[in-house]
Amino acid sequence: MKATLALALLPLIAASPTPGTYPGFYYPPRPKPAARAPGLGDLAKKAGLKYFGTAIDNVALDNEKYTSIAFNRSEFNQVTASNGQKWVHIEPKRNVFNYTLGDQIVDASKDAGQMRRCHTFLWHNQLPDWLTTGNWTKTTLLGVLENHIKREADYYYGDCYAWDVVNEAFNDDGTLRKDIWLDIIGPSYIEHAFRFARKYTSPGTKLYYNDYGIERVNNKSRAVQALVKDFQTRKIPIDGVGLQAHFTVGRSPLYSDIRGAQQLFTALGLETALTELDVRLEVPGNKTAEETQARVYADATRACVDEKRCVGVTVWGKYTCSLYFD
């Protein structure tokens, strides 16, 4: 009975107007939603870069507005954990590893489908007390270094497009920075770190030397170039040099300076990246300073776009910028 009734009603249902419409009236099609504007990551890829990224610190993770942008792959298709993967957090006690802070950034970026530059295996700063106050010999400290790189590289195996293997090893005059690594191991600590990194990171991971103040051709950038040449002669692995690009309005390098500095390394077959780009200005700002700031961001990015072996730009911290990709 129910089936017969349903069949009898079918012609009436088919002839009835759809809800909210009336016969004899013209209903224009609904407008399509406006197309989403491409983000910086999209524009960077269109311009030939691998990525346009941002550094994220754990203290910003409770800001939903910030994280909705930072973990938006269209806006930033690469992420760097600005502090969570540094030694003081990863190995706070000898042979006790804690990946919590690093994971908060890495896991969220993986969920968002973003690339990662991992930062950093070896630095003179943000070291735990047990390390800086220990009674080490060259042999024992090398053992600590290898163990740290092995454990962290194994944990993040396959997660990182690149690792900053050694960070800020040089002074501005081109001499090596005096720290625990140089004092106890000697200059060879840098090559040991790169050899350990190649041994334990996943195949294809790019190994970087990363530093500030090398965005011009100067004593420091030439010292890094000499390090690279020496590594290549002795077949020590290195794939790239990161120019941190911490700039200040009124004292920032020119587009031509950045291009020249990159070519110290790209001419040797290495890739480069602007790894920590920010442009500071005094507050309160003014229109002129802000326009200069925007121009410096744009010129720095253009210097990477125009350099064939520059793979990407990462902005550092909670800085905002206006950029144009040609």
Protein backbone atom coordinates (compact mmCIF):
# COMPACT_ATOMS: atom_id res chain seq x y z
CA MET A 1 0.00 0.00 0.00
CA LYS A 2 2.80 2.42 0.98
CA ALA A 3 4.75 1.65 -2.19
CA THR A 4 1.67 2.19 -4.39
CA LEU A 5 1.00 5.55 -2.72
CA ALA A 6 4.58 6.67 -3.17
CA LEU A 7 4.53 5.77 -6.87
CA ALA A 8 1.29 7.66 -7.33
CA LEU A 9 2.76 10.79 -5.77
CA LEU A 10 5.92 10.86 -7.89
CA PRO A 11 4.46 12.92 -10.78
CA LEU A 12 3.18 15.52 -8.32
CA ILE A 13 6.50 15.77 -6.57
CA ALA A 14 8.35 16.16 -9.85
CA ALA A 15 6.02 18.95 -10.96
CA SER A 16 6.21 20.88 -7.68
CA PRO A 17 8.46 23.98 -7.51
CA THR A 18 11.62 23.62 -5.53
CA PRO A 19 11.43 25.04 -2.00
CA GLY A 20 11.65 28.82 -2.01
CA THR A 21 10.83 29.21 -5.73
CA TYR A 22 7.65 29.99 -7.59
CA PRO A 23 6.62 29.13 -11.17
CA GLY A 24 6.87 31.95 -13.67
CA PHE A 25 9.69 33.81 -11.93
CA TYR A 26 13.30 34.06 -13.16
CA TYR A 27 15.94 33.21 -10.61
CA PRO A 28 19.45 34.26 -11.67
CA PRO A 29 22.28 31.84 -10.79
CA ARG A 30 23.97 32.43 -7.47
CA PRO A 31 27.29 34.25 -7.82
CA LYS A 32 30.35 32.08 -7.35
CA PRO A 33 32.47 32.77 -4.27
CA ALA A 34 35.37 35.10 -4.97
CA ALA A 35 38.56 33.23 -5.81
CA ARG A 36 41.00 33.02 -2.91
CA ALA A 37 43.94 35.37 -3.36
CA PRO A 38 47.25 33.50 -3.59
CA GLY A 39 49.39 33.60 -0.47
CA LEU A 40 53.11 34.30 -0.23
CA GLY A 41 53.92 30.60 -0.45
CA ASP A 42 51.88 30.27 -3.63
CA LEU A 43 53.50 33.35 -5.16
CA ALA A 44 56.99 32.17 -4.22
CA LYS A 45 56.50 28.84 -5.97
CA LYS A 46 55.10 30.61 -9.01
CA ALA A 47 58.25 32.79 -9.04
CA GLY A 48 60.48 29.71 -9.03
CA LEU A 49 61.34 29.32 -5.31
CA LYS A 50 60.76 26.14 -3.33
CA TYR A 51 59.15 28.03 -0.48
CA PHE A 52 58.30 31.19 1.37
CA GLY A 53 58.30 30.32 5.03
CA THR A 54 58.08 31.59 8.57
CA ALA A 55 59.73 30.80 11.89
CA ILE A 56 57.33 29.92 14.71
CA ASP A 57 58.11 30.06 18.41
CA ASN A 58 56.17 28.03 20.96
CA VAL A 59 55.16 31.14 22.92
CA ALA A 60 52.93 32.16 19.98
CA LEU A 61 50.97 28.91 19.78
CA ASP A 62 48.15 30.14 22.03
CA ASN A 63 47.37 32.96 19.57
CA GLU A 64 44.78 31.44 17.23
CA LYS A 65 44.81 34.35 14.80
CA TYR A 66 48.59 34.05 14.48
CA THR A 67 48.65 30.26 14.09
CA SER A 68 45.84 30.33 11.52
CA ILE A 69 48.19 32.33 9.31
CA ALA A 70 51.50 30.70 10.26
CA PHE A 71 50.20 27.19 9.60
CA ASN A 72 48.46 28.18 6.37
CA ARG A 73 50.31 26.40 3.57
CA SER A 74 49.14 28.92 0.98
CA GLU A 75 50.71 31.77 2.94
CA PHE A 76 53.77 29.92 4.26
CA ASN A 77 54.64 26.59 2.69
CA GLN A 78 57.69 26.15 4.94
CA VAL A 79 58.16 26.41 8.71
CA THR A 80 61.17 26.70 11.04
CA ALA A 81 60.95 26.00 14.76
CA SER A 82 62.73 29.11 15.99
CA ASN A 83 63.67 27.69 19.42
CA GLY A 84 62.08 24.30 20.02
CA GLN A 85 64.83 22.23 18.38
CA LYS A 86 67.77 23.93 20.09
CA TRP A 87 70.03 21.97 22.39
CA VAL A 88 68.80 23.39 25.71
CA HIS A 89 65.29 22.12 24.99
CA ILE A 90 66.12 18.90 23.14
CA GLU A 91 68.73 17.55 25.60
CA PRO A 92 68.22 19.45 28.88
CA LYS A 93 70.08 16.75 30.82
CA ARG A 94 72.83 14.57 29.47
CA ASN A 95 71.37 11.77 27.38
CA VAL A 96 67.83 12.78 28.39
CA PHE A 97 65.98 13.93 25.29
CA ASN A 98 62.76 15.93 25.23
CA TYR A 99 61.19 16.68 21.85
CA THR A 100 58.02 18.31 23.15
CA LEU A 101 58.68 21.87 21.99
CA GLY A 102 60.03 20.79 18.64
CA ASP A 103 57.07 18.48 18.07
CA GLN A 104 54.57 21.26 18.72
CA ILE A 105 55.88 23.05 15.65
CA VAL A 106 56.88 20.08 13.50
CA ASP A 107 53.66 18.10 13.98
CA ALA A 108 51.42 21.08 13.26
CA SER A 109 53.39 21.91 10.12
CA LYS A 110 53.14 18.30 8.94
CA ASP A 111 49.38 18.39 9.45
CA ALA A 112 49.30 21.58 7.37
CA GLY A 113 51.36 20.02 4.58
CA GLN A 114 54.28 22.46 5.02
CA MET A 115 58.01 21.87 4.49
CA ARG A 116 60.43 22.26 7.40
CA ARG A 117 63.88 23.76 7.84
CA CYS A 118 65.14 22.24 11.08
CA HIS A 119 67.20 24.48 13.36
CA THR A 120 69.83 23.82 14.74
CA PHE A 121 72.19 20.96 15.68
CA LEU A 122 75.11 23.07 16.93
CA TRP A 123 75.25 26.62 18.27
CA HIS A 124 77.31 28.43 20.88
CA ASN A 125 74.14 29.74 22.53
CA GLN A 126 71.14 28.15 24.32
CA LEU A 127 73.21 25.28 25.67
CA PRO A 128 72.27 23.50 28.94
CA ASP A 129 74.39 24.00 32.05
CA TRP A 130 75.48 20.37 32.16
CA LEU A 131 77.19 20.92 28.82
CA THR A 132 78.79 24.32 29.38
CA THR A 133 80.10 23.46 32.86
CA GLY A 134 81.22 19.90 32.14
CA ASN A 135 84.81 18.71 32.48
CA TRP A 136 85.38 17.62 28.88
CA THR A 137 88.25 16.40 26.78
CA LYS A 138 88.24 16.61 22.99
CA THR A 139 87.28 12.94 22.77
CA THR A 140 84.46 13.08 25.30
CA LEU A 141 82.97 16.29 23.90
CA LEU A 142 83.03 14.86 20.37
CA GLY A 143 81.16 11.87 21.76
CA VAL A 144 78.53 14.17 23.26
CA LEU A 145 78.21 16.03 19.95
CA GLU A 146 77.82 12.87 17.88
CA ASN A 147 75.29 11.40 20.29
CA HIS A 148 73.21 14.59 20.26
CA ILE A 149 73.13 14.84 16.45
CA LYS A 150 72.47 11.10 16.10
CA ARG A 151 69.52 11.10 18.50
CA GLU A 152 67.90 14.30 17.20
CA ALA A 153 68.45 13.41 13.55
CA ASP A 154 66.99 9.95 14.12
CA TYR A 155 63.93 11.37 15.86
CA TYR A 156 63.22 13.84 13.05
CA TYR A 157 64.32 11.41 10.34
CA GLY A 158 62.60 12.31 7.09
CA ASP A 159 60.90 15.39 8.56
CA CYS A 160 63.33 18.08 7.43
CA TYR A 161 64.06 19.49 4.00
CA ALA A 162 67.23 20.97 5.52
CA TRP A 163 69.11 21.15 8.81
CA ASP A 164 71.12 24.13 10.03
CA VAL A 165 74.04 21.99 11.11
CA VAL A 166 76.29 24.73 12.52
CA ASN A 167 75.01 28.18 13.42
CA GLU A 168 77.07 31.38 13.81
CA ALA A 169 80.58 29.98 14.11
CA PHE A 170 82.36 33.12 12.85
CA ASN A 171 83.06 36.58 14.23
CA ASP A 172 82.50 39.64 12.06
CA ASP A 173 86.21 39.83 11.25
CA GLY A 174 86.19 36.32 9.83
CA THR A 175 87.87 34.58 12.76
CA LEU A 176 86.23 31.64 14.50
CA ARG A 177 84.03 32.46 17.49
CA LYS A 178 85.55 31.49 20.84
CA ASP A 179 83.20 29.03 22.55
CA ILE A 180 83.15 25.60 24.18
CA TRP A 181 83.41 23.84 20.82
CA LEU A 182 86.44 25.76 19.59
CA ASP A 183 88.14 25.81 22.99
CA ILE A 184 87.97 22.05 23.55
CA ILE A 185 87.68 20.41 20.13
CA GLY A 186 89.37 23.06 17.99
CA PRO A 187 88.37 24.27 14.50
CA SER A 188 87.63 20.71 13.38
CA TYR A 189 84.40 20.71 15.39
CA ILE A 190 82.60 22.22 12.38
CA GLU A 191 83.58 19.46 9.98
CA HIS A 192 82.80 16.81 12.59
CA ALA A 193 79.29 18.24 12.96
CA PHE A 194 78.70 18.06 9.21
CA ARG A 195 80.06 14.52 8.96
CA PHE A 196 77.79 13.41 11.83
CA ALA A 197 74.82 15.17 10.23
CA ARG A 198 75.35 13.40 6.91
CA LYS A 199 75.77 10.08 8.68
CA TYR A 200 72.51 10.29 10.63
CA THR A 201 70.04 12.46 8.71
CA SER A 202 67.74 10.98 6.08
CA PRO A 203 69.02 10.76 2.48
CA GLY A 204 68.49 13.96 0.54
CA THR A 205 68.46 16.24 3.60
CA LYS A 206 70.24 19.51 2.81
CA LEU A 207 73.02 20.39 5.25
CA TYR A 208 73.49 24.12 5.85
CA TYR A 209 75.93 26.46 7.49
CA ASN A 210 73.86 29.39 8.83
CA ASP A 211 75.01 32.87 9.93
CA TYR A 212 74.14 36.56 10.18
CA GLY A 213 76.14 39.44 8.72
CA ILE A 214 77.10 37.53 5.58
CA GLU A 215 74.58 39.30 3.34
CA ARG A 216 77.40 41.47 1.94
CA VAL A 217 80.80 40.50 0.57
CA ASN A 218 82.95 41.12 3.64
CA ASN A 219 85.47 39.41 5.92
CA LYS A 220 82.85 37.16 7.45
CA SER A 221 81.21 36.01 4.22
CA ARG A 222 84.62 35.39 2.65
CA ALA A 223 85.60 33.29 5.67
CA VAL A 224 82.47 31.18 5.19
CA GLN A 225 83.34 30.87 1.50
CA ALA A 226 86.84 29.66 2.45
CA LEU A 227 85.27 27.09 4.79
CA VAL A 228 83.07 25.81 1.95
CA LYS A 229 86.02 25.57 -0.45
CA ASP A 230 88.02 23.65 2.14
CA PHE A 231 85.10 21.29 2.75
CA GLN A 232 84.72 20.64 -0.96
CA THR A 233 88.43 19.95 -1.39
CA ARG A 234 88.34 17.41 1.45
CA LYS A 235 84.89 16.02 0.54
CA ILE A 236 83.19 17.10 3.74
CA PRO A 237 79.43 17.27 3.10
CA ILE A 238 77.77 20.68 2.82
CA ASP A 239 74.82 21.62 0.59
CA GLY A 240 73.93 25.20 1.40
CA VAL A 241 74.61 28.44 3.19
CA GLY A 242 71.86 30.27 5.05
CA LEU A 243 72.04 34.06 5.08
CA GLN A 244 70.05 34.96 8.17
CA ALA A 245 69.20 38.47 6.92
CA HIS A 246 68.50 40.24 10.21
CA PHE A 247 68.23 43.81 8.91
CA THR A 248 67.45 47.25 10.31
CA VAL A 249 65.78 50.13 8.48
CA GLY A 250 68.53 52.54 7.43
CA ARG A 251 71.35 49.98 7.76
CA SER A 252 70.28 47.12 5.51
CA PRO A 253 72.27 45.78 2.56
CA LEU A 254 71.21 46.62 -0.96
CA TYR A 255 69.73 44.16 -3.44
CA SER A 256 73.11 44.09 -5.20
CA ASP A 257 74.91 43.35 -1.90
CA ILE A 258 72.75 40.30 -1.24
CA ARG A 259 73.18 39.04 -4.79
CA GLY A 260 76.95 39.40 -4.53
CA ALA A 261 77.08 37.60 -1.19
CA GLN A 262 74.97 34.71 -2.44
CA GLN A 263 77.23 34.27 -5.44
CA LEU A 264 80.19 33.59 -3.16
CA PHE A 265 78.45 30.28 -2.45
CA THR A 266 76.28 29.57 -5.49
CA ALA A 267 79.35 29.85 -7.72
CA LEU A 268 80.68 26.86 -5.78
CA GLY A 269 77.54 24.85 -6.55
CA LEU A 270 75.80 25.33 -3.20
CA GLU A 271 72.24 26.48 -2.71
CA THR A 272 71.42 29.49 -0.56
CA ALA A 273 68.41 30.74 1.36
CA LEU A 274 67.43 33.78 3.38
CA THR A 275 66.73 31.93 6.59
CA GLU A 276 65.73 34.48 9.26
CA LEU A 277 64.62 37.60 7.38
CA ASP A 278 63.38 40.48 9.50
CA VAL A 279 63.65 44.25 9.12
CA ARG A 280 63.57 46.08 12.43
CA LEU A 281 62.56 49.69 12.88
CA GLU A 282 62.30 52.01 15.85
CA VAL A 283 58.84 52.44 17.35
CA PRO A 284 56.71 54.36 17.09
CA GLY A 285 57.25 54.11 13.36
CA ASN A 286 56.29 56.56 10.67
CA LYS A 287 55.15 56.27 7.07
CA THR A 288 58.61 56.84 5.61
CA ALA A 289 60.24 54.19 7.82
CA GLU A 290 57.46 51.71 7.12
CA GLU A 291 57.75 52.25 3.37
CA THR A 292 61.50 51.71 3.64
CA GLN A 293 60.91 48.55 5.66
CA ALA A 294 58.55 47.18 3.00
CA ARG A 295 61.07 47.99 0.27
CA VAL A 296 63.86 46.16 2.13
CA TYR A 297 61.67 43.06 2.50
CA ALA A 298 60.78 43.21 -1.19
CA ASP A 299 64.38 43.79 -2.36
CA ALA A 300 65.71 40.95 -0.19
CA THR A 301 63.08 38.59 -1.55
CA ARG A 302 63.78 39.72 -5.12
CA ALA A 303 67.49 39.01 -4.55
CA CYS A 304 66.57 35.41 -3.76
CA VAL A 305 64.12 35.09 -6.65
CA ASP A 306 66.75 36.39 -9.08
CA GLU A 307 69.45 34.01 -7.81
CA LYS A 308 69.00 30.64 -9.53
CA ARG A 309 70.34 28.63 -6.60
CA CYS A 310 68.47 30.53 -3.87
CA VAL A 311 65.69 28.15 -2.83
CA GLY A 312 63.58 30.22 -0.48
CA VAL A 313 62.95 32.91 2.11
CA THR A 314 61.95 32.49 5.76
CA VAL A 315 60.71 35.45 7.78
CA TRP A 316 61.59 35.40 11.46
CA GLY A 317 59.18 35.74 14.36
CA LYS A 318 56.03 37.87 14.50
CA TYR A 319 57.07 40.28 11.78
CA THR A 320 54.74 41.22 8.95
CA CYS A 321 55.74 42.40 5.53
CA SER A 322 54.41 43.39 2.13
CA LEU A 323 56.17 41.63 -0.71
CA TYR A 324 55.96 41.59 -4.46
CA PHE A 325 57.05 38.68 -6.64
CA ASP A 326 57.84 39.54 -10.25
